[in-house]
Amino acid sequence: MEVERVDFLSIVSQDIERSRRFYLEMLGLPFDRDFPESASGGFECWAGQVCLSVWEPEKIGVPFAPNPNDIALRVADVHETRNELEAKGVEFAGETHDTGVCHMAFFHDPDGNALMLHRRYAS
C-alpha cells in the first residue's frame, strides 16, 4: 500500500454554527468553498495542507464523542499565537510546554476536541 496523503481529519461537533465561528473566525482557518452540503450539515476548512472536516455525527445517527487526541496545529510562534487566541477568549490548559525539541500549548474547541499549537525548533 502506498498512501499519497491524508485527505482530511474528521472533527465532530454538536453545533455546526458554533464550530464554524470557532474554526473560521477564532482560529482564522480558510473555509473550503468546494465542500458540498452533506447530511451531517458540516463544513470543511484548511489547516495548512490538511483539510478539517467538521460534522455533526448525531444528525446521521452516530453518537457524539469528542476527540481526546490533540490535533497539532503548526504555527510560526507558539507563544505569540497563544497570546492572540487568548485575547479572543480561547482558554488554554496549563502553561506552554518546552520539551527541549518543541513548544506546545494545549486547548479545546467548543465541543471538547483536543487541539494543540505546536512548533518544533530543534532537529
N, C-alpha and C. Protein backbone atom coordinates (compact mmCIF):
# COMPACT_ATOMS: atom_id res chain seq x y z
N MET A 1 0.85 -1.18 0.00
CA MET A 1 0.00 0.00 0.00
C MET A 1 0.89 1.23 0.00
N GLU A 2 0.55 2.20 -0.83
CA GLU A 2 1.25 3.47 -0.84
C GLU A 2 0.24 4.59 -0.59
N VAL A 3 0.35 5.24 0.55
CA VAL A 3 -0.54 6.34 0.89
C VAL A 3 -0.01 7.61 0.22
N GLU A 4 -0.87 8.28 -0.51
CA GLU A 4 -0.46 9.50 -1.20
C GLU A 4 -0.43 10.69 -0.25
N ARG A 5 -1.42 10.77 0.65
CA ARG A 5 -1.52 11.87 1.61
C ARG A 5 -2.72 11.61 2.51
N VAL A 6 -2.86 12.44 3.52
CA VAL A 6 -4.06 12.43 4.36
C VAL A 6 -5.05 13.37 3.68
N ASP A 7 -6.24 12.89 3.33
CA ASP A 7 -7.22 13.73 2.66
C ASP A 7 -7.93 14.68 3.62
N PHE A 8 -8.29 14.20 4.82
CA PHE A 8 -8.93 15.08 5.80
C PHE A 8 -8.87 14.45 7.18
N LEU A 9 -9.05 15.29 8.19
CA LEU A 9 -9.23 14.84 9.56
C LEU A 9 -10.66 15.16 9.94
N SER A 10 -11.32 14.23 10.59
CA SER A 10 -12.70 14.39 10.99
C SER A 10 -12.78 15.03 12.37
N ILE A 11 -13.59 16.08 12.48
CA ILE A 11 -13.81 16.76 13.76
C ILE A 11 -15.31 16.77 14.02
N VAL A 12 -15.70 16.19 15.14
CA VAL A 12 -17.13 16.11 15.46
C VAL A 12 -17.60 17.35 16.21
N SER A 13 -18.88 17.66 16.01
CA SER A 13 -19.48 18.84 16.63
C SER A 13 -20.91 18.53 17.04
N GLN A 14 -21.40 19.27 18.02
CA GLN A 14 -22.82 19.21 18.39
C GLN A 14 -23.54 20.48 17.94
N ASP A 15 -22.77 21.43 17.41
CA ASP A 15 -23.34 22.70 16.97
C ASP A 15 -22.47 23.26 15.85
N ILE A 16 -22.86 23.00 14.62
CA ILE A 16 -22.06 23.38 13.46
C ILE A 16 -21.81 24.88 13.39
N GLU A 17 -22.80 25.69 13.68
CA GLU A 17 -22.60 27.14 13.59
C GLU A 17 -21.58 27.62 14.62
N ARG A 18 -21.63 27.07 15.82
CA ARG A 18 -20.63 27.41 16.85
C ARG A 18 -19.25 26.97 16.39
N SER A 19 -19.15 25.78 15.82
CA SER A 19 -17.87 25.29 15.31
C SER A 19 -17.38 26.14 14.15
N ARG A 20 -18.30 26.53 13.29
CA ARG A 20 -17.93 27.38 12.15
C ARG A 20 -17.31 28.69 12.67
N ARG A 21 -17.93 29.31 13.66
CA ARG A 21 -17.38 30.55 14.23
C ARG A 21 -16.00 30.30 14.84
N PHE A 22 -15.85 29.18 15.55
CA PHE A 22 -14.57 28.88 16.20
C PHE A 22 -13.46 28.67 15.18
N TYR A 23 -13.67 27.75 14.25
CA TYR A 23 -12.60 27.40 13.32
C TYR A 23 -12.33 28.49 12.27
N LEU A 24 -13.37 29.14 11.79
CA LEU A 24 -13.19 30.13 10.74
C LEU A 24 -12.87 31.52 11.29
N GLU A 25 -13.53 31.91 12.37
CA GLU A 25 -13.32 33.26 12.89
C GLU A 25 -12.25 33.29 13.98
N MET A 26 -12.40 32.46 15.02
CA MET A 26 -11.42 32.48 16.12
C MET A 26 -10.04 32.04 15.65
N LEU A 27 -9.99 30.88 14.98
CA LEU A 27 -8.69 30.38 14.52
C LEU A 27 -8.28 30.97 13.18
N GLY A 28 -9.24 31.47 12.42
CA GLY A 28 -8.92 32.09 11.13
C GLY A 28 -8.57 31.11 10.03
N LEU A 29 -9.06 29.87 10.12
CA LEU A 29 -8.75 28.89 9.09
C LEU A 29 -9.59 29.15 7.84
N PRO A 30 -9.02 28.92 6.66
CA PRO A 30 -9.76 29.17 5.41
C PRO A 30 -10.86 28.13 5.18
N PHE A 31 -12.03 28.62 4.83
CA PHE A 31 -13.20 27.81 4.52
C PHE A 31 -13.02 27.17 3.15
N ASP A 32 -13.40 25.89 3.02
CA ASP A 32 -13.35 25.20 1.73
C ASP A 32 -14.69 25.38 1.03
N ARG A 33 -14.74 26.27 0.08
CA ARG A 33 -15.98 26.57 -0.65
C ARG A 33 -16.40 25.45 -1.59
N ASP A 34 -15.50 24.50 -1.84
CA ASP A 34 -15.82 23.40 -2.76
C ASP A 34 -16.49 22.22 -2.06
N PHE A 35 -16.64 22.30 -0.73
CA PHE A 35 -17.24 21.20 0.02
C PHE A 35 -18.75 21.19 -0.22
N PRO A 36 -19.29 20.07 -0.69
CA PRO A 36 -20.74 20.00 -0.93
C PRO A 36 -21.52 19.87 0.38
N GLU A 37 -22.75 20.34 0.38
CA GLU A 37 -23.62 20.15 1.54
C GLU A 37 -23.76 18.65 1.81
N SER A 38 -23.82 18.29 3.06
CA SER A 38 -23.92 16.88 3.41
C SER A 38 -25.05 16.67 4.41
N ALA A 39 -25.39 15.41 4.62
CA ALA A 39 -26.46 15.06 5.56
C ALA A 39 -26.09 15.46 6.99
N SER A 40 -24.80 15.53 7.28
CA SER A 40 -24.37 15.88 8.63
C SER A 40 -24.36 17.39 8.85
N GLY A 41 -24.61 18.17 7.80
CA GLY A 41 -24.66 19.62 7.93
C GLY A 41 -23.30 20.25 8.19
N GLY A 42 -22.24 19.58 7.86
CA GLY A 42 -20.90 20.03 8.19
C GLY A 42 -20.29 21.03 7.23
N PHE A 43 -19.02 21.31 7.47
CA PHE A 43 -18.23 22.18 6.61
C PHE A 43 -16.78 21.72 6.66
N GLU A 44 -15.99 22.20 5.74
CA GLU A 44 -14.57 21.89 5.73
C GLU A 44 -13.78 23.18 5.71
N CYS A 45 -12.61 23.13 6.35
CA CYS A 45 -11.68 24.24 6.34
C CYS A 45 -10.27 23.66 6.27
N TRP A 46 -9.31 24.53 6.09
CA TRP A 46 -7.94 24.08 5.88
C TRP A 46 -7.02 24.54 7.00
N ALA A 47 -6.20 23.60 7.47
CA ALA A 47 -5.13 23.88 8.43
C ALA A 47 -3.84 23.54 7.69
N GLY A 48 -3.29 24.53 7.01
CA GLY A 48 -2.12 24.26 6.16
C GLY A 48 -2.54 23.37 5.01
N GLN A 49 -1.90 22.22 4.89
CA GLN A 49 -2.18 21.29 3.80
C GLN A 49 -3.22 20.24 4.16
N VAL A 50 -3.75 20.29 5.38
CA VAL A 50 -4.70 19.28 5.83
C VAL A 50 -6.10 19.88 5.93
N CYS A 51 -7.04 19.16 5.37
CA CYS A 51 -8.44 19.57 5.43
C CYS A 51 -9.05 19.07 6.73
N LEU A 52 -9.77 19.96 7.42
CA LEU A 52 -10.52 19.57 8.62
C LEU A 52 -11.99 19.49 8.23
N SER A 53 -12.58 18.33 8.38
CA SER A 53 -13.98 18.11 8.04
C SER A 53 -14.79 18.10 9.34
N VAL A 54 -15.56 19.18 9.56
CA VAL A 54 -16.34 19.33 10.79
C VAL A 54 -17.77 18.92 10.50
N TRP A 55 -18.31 18.01 11.32
CA TRP A 55 -19.64 17.47 11.05
C TRP A 55 -20.35 17.11 12.34
N GLU A 56 -21.66 16.93 12.25
CA GLU A 56 -22.49 16.57 13.40
C GLU A 56 -22.88 15.10 13.29
N PRO A 57 -22.22 14.22 14.02
CA PRO A 57 -22.49 12.79 13.91
C PRO A 57 -23.92 12.41 14.28
N GLU A 58 -24.50 13.11 15.26
CA GLU A 58 -25.85 12.75 15.72
C GLU A 58 -26.92 12.96 14.65
N LYS A 59 -26.61 13.83 13.67
CA LYS A 59 -27.57 14.05 12.58
C LYS A 59 -27.71 12.84 11.67
N ILE A 60 -26.73 11.94 11.73
CA ILE A 60 -26.81 10.73 10.91
C ILE A 60 -26.81 9.47 11.79
N GLY A 61 -27.20 9.65 13.06
CA GLY A 61 -27.37 8.51 13.95
C GLY A 61 -26.11 7.96 14.58
N VAL A 62 -25.03 8.73 14.58
CA VAL A 62 -23.78 8.28 15.20
C VAL A 62 -23.62 9.04 16.52
N PRO A 63 -23.30 8.35 17.62
CA PRO A 63 -23.14 9.04 18.90
C PRO A 63 -21.98 10.04 18.86
N PHE A 64 -22.17 11.16 19.54
CA PHE A 64 -21.13 12.19 19.64
C PHE A 64 -20.13 11.80 20.72
N ALA A 65 -18.85 11.93 20.42
CA ALA A 65 -17.77 11.77 21.40
C ALA A 65 -16.60 12.62 20.92
N PRO A 66 -16.18 13.63 21.70
CA PRO A 66 -15.08 14.47 21.27
C PRO A 66 -13.77 13.70 21.17
N ASN A 67 -12.90 14.17 20.31
CA ASN A 67 -11.60 13.53 20.11
C ASN A 67 -10.64 13.98 21.23
N PRO A 68 -10.15 13.05 22.06
CA PRO A 68 -9.24 13.42 23.14
C PRO A 68 -7.78 13.52 22.69
N ASN A 69 -7.50 13.14 21.44
CA ASN A 69 -6.14 13.14 20.92
C ASN A 69 -5.87 14.46 20.20
N ASP A 70 -4.88 15.20 20.69
CA ASP A 70 -4.61 16.54 20.17
C ASP A 70 -4.28 16.55 18.69
N ILE A 71 -4.94 17.45 17.97
CA ILE A 71 -4.54 17.76 16.60
C ILE A 71 -3.53 18.88 16.72
N ALA A 72 -2.30 18.62 16.30
CA ALA A 72 -1.21 19.58 16.44
C ALA A 72 -1.22 20.55 15.26
N LEU A 73 -1.48 21.82 15.56
CA LEU A 73 -1.51 22.87 14.54
C LEU A 73 -0.16 23.59 14.57
N ARG A 74 0.61 23.39 13.52
CA ARG A 74 1.94 24.02 13.47
C ARG A 74 1.80 25.51 13.18
N VAL A 75 2.41 26.31 14.04
CA VAL A 75 2.40 27.76 13.89
C VAL A 75 3.84 28.27 13.95
N ALA A 76 4.05 29.48 13.46
CA ALA A 76 5.40 30.05 13.44
C ALA A 76 5.92 30.30 14.84
N ASP A 77 5.06 30.77 15.75
CA ASP A 77 5.47 31.10 17.10
C ASP A 77 4.34 30.73 18.05
N VAL A 78 4.54 29.70 18.85
CA VAL A 78 3.51 29.21 19.76
C VAL A 78 3.11 30.28 20.78
N HIS A 79 4.09 30.97 21.36
CA HIS A 79 3.79 31.97 22.39
C HIS A 79 2.96 33.12 21.81
N GLU A 80 3.37 33.62 20.65
CA GLU A 80 2.65 34.73 20.02
C GLU A 80 1.23 34.32 19.63
N THR A 81 1.09 33.15 19.03
CA THR A 81 -0.23 32.67 18.61
C THR A 81 -1.12 32.42 19.82
N ARG A 82 -0.55 31.87 20.87
CA ARG A 82 -1.33 31.66 22.09
C ARG A 82 -1.85 32.99 22.63
N ASN A 83 -1.00 34.00 22.67
CA ASN A 83 -1.43 35.32 23.14
C ASN A 83 -2.57 35.87 22.30
N GLU A 84 -2.48 35.71 20.98
CA GLU A 84 -3.54 36.18 20.07
C GLU A 84 -4.86 35.46 20.36
N LEU A 85 -4.79 34.14 20.52
CA LEU A 85 -6.02 33.36 20.77
C LEU A 85 -6.59 33.64 22.15
N GLU A 86 -5.74 33.80 23.15
CA GLU A 86 -6.23 34.14 24.48
C GLU A 86 -6.95 35.49 24.46
N ALA A 87 -6.43 36.43 23.68
CA ALA A 87 -7.08 37.74 23.57
C ALA A 87 -8.47 37.62 22.94
N LYS A 88 -8.70 36.56 22.16
CA LYS A 88 -10.01 36.30 21.55
C LYS A 88 -10.91 35.46 22.45
N GLY A 89 -10.38 35.02 23.60
CA GLY A 89 -11.18 34.25 24.53
C GLY A 89 -10.92 32.76 24.57
N VAL A 90 -9.94 32.27 23.82
CA VAL A 90 -9.60 30.84 23.85
C VAL A 90 -8.86 30.55 25.16
N GLU A 91 -9.30 29.50 25.86
CA GLU A 91 -8.67 29.12 27.13
C GLU A 91 -7.72 27.95 26.89
N PHE A 92 -6.54 28.06 27.44
CA PHE A 92 -5.53 27.01 27.30
C PHE A 92 -5.42 26.22 28.59
N ALA A 93 -4.99 24.97 28.48
CA ALA A 93 -4.82 24.08 29.63
C ALA A 93 -3.37 24.15 30.07
N GLY A 94 -3.11 24.86 31.14
CA GLY A 94 -1.75 24.94 31.67
C GLY A 94 -0.86 25.88 30.88
N GLU A 95 0.41 25.81 31.22
CA GLU A 95 1.41 26.66 30.58
C GLU A 95 1.87 26.06 29.25
N THR A 96 2.54 26.86 28.45
CA THR A 96 3.15 26.36 27.22
C THR A 96 4.32 25.45 27.60
N HIS A 97 4.37 24.28 27.00
CA HIS A 97 5.42 23.30 27.29
C HIS A 97 6.59 23.48 26.34
N ASP A 98 7.80 23.40 26.90
CA ASP A 98 9.03 23.38 26.11
C ASP A 98 9.67 22.03 26.38
N THR A 99 9.65 21.14 25.38
CA THR A 99 10.16 19.79 25.57
C THR A 99 11.66 19.67 25.33
N GLY A 100 12.28 20.78 24.92
CA GLY A 100 13.69 20.71 24.52
C GLY A 100 13.81 20.49 23.02
N VAL A 101 12.69 20.18 22.40
CA VAL A 101 12.65 19.96 20.95
C VAL A 101 11.56 20.83 20.31
N CYS A 102 10.49 21.06 21.07
CA CYS A 102 9.36 21.82 20.52
C CYS A 102 8.63 22.57 21.62
N HIS A 103 7.79 23.52 21.19
CA HIS A 103 6.87 24.22 22.08
C HIS A 103 5.47 23.70 21.79
N MET A 104 4.66 23.50 22.84
CA MET A 104 3.30 23.01 22.71
C MET A 104 2.40 23.75 23.68
N ALA A 105 1.21 24.14 23.20
CA ALA A 105 0.20 24.78 24.05
C ALA A 105 -1.13 24.10 23.74
N PHE A 106 -1.78 23.58 24.78
CA PHE A 106 -2.97 22.74 24.63
C PHE A 106 -4.26 23.51 24.90
N PHE A 107 -5.29 23.26 24.06
CA PHE A 107 -6.60 23.86 24.24
C PHE A 107 -7.65 22.96 23.60
N HIS A 108 -8.92 23.33 23.72
CA HIS A 108 -10.02 22.55 23.15
C HIS A 108 -10.92 23.45 22.33
N ASP A 109 -11.59 22.84 21.36
CA ASP A 109 -12.63 23.59 20.65
C ASP A 109 -13.88 23.58 21.53
N PRO A 110 -14.94 24.28 21.14
CA PRO A 110 -16.14 24.35 21.99
C PRO A 110 -16.82 22.99 22.25
N ASP A 111 -16.52 21.97 21.45
CA ASP A 111 -17.11 20.65 21.65
C ASP A 111 -16.21 19.72 22.46
N GLY A 112 -15.05 20.21 22.89
CA GLY A 112 -14.15 19.38 23.69
C GLY A 112 -13.12 18.62 22.89
N ASN A 113 -13.02 18.86 21.58
CA ASN A 113 -11.99 18.22 20.77
C ASN A 113 -10.64 18.82 21.12
N ALA A 114 -9.64 17.97 21.35
CA ALA A 114 -8.32 18.41 21.79
C ALA A 114 -7.52 18.99 20.62
N LEU A 115 -6.95 20.17 20.85
CA LEU A 115 -6.11 20.85 19.87
C LEU A 115 -4.83 21.30 20.56
N MET A 116 -3.82 21.56 19.75
CA MET A 116 -2.53 21.99 20.29
C MET A 116 -1.87 22.93 19.30
N LEU A 117 -1.29 24.01 19.81
CA LEU A 117 -0.38 24.81 19.00
C LEU A 117 0.98 24.14 19.12
N HIS A 118 1.72 24.03 18.02
CA HIS A 118 2.97 23.28 18.04
C HIS A 118 4.01 23.93 17.14
N ARG A 119 5.25 23.89 17.60
CA ARG A 119 6.36 24.31 16.75
C ARG A 119 7.62 23.57 17.19
N ARG A 120 8.15 22.79 16.28
CA ARG A 120 9.44 22.11 16.53
C ARG A 120 10.54 23.11 16.21
N TYR A 121 11.47 23.28 17.13
CA TYR A 121 12.54 24.24 16.92
C TYR A 121 13.91 23.58 16.87
N ALA A 122 14.00 22.32 17.20
CA ALA A 122 15.29 21.60 17.18
C ALA A 122 15.20 20.43 16.21
N SER A 123 16.36 20.06 15.67
CA SER A 123 16.36 18.90 14.76
C SER A 123 17.03 17.70 15.36
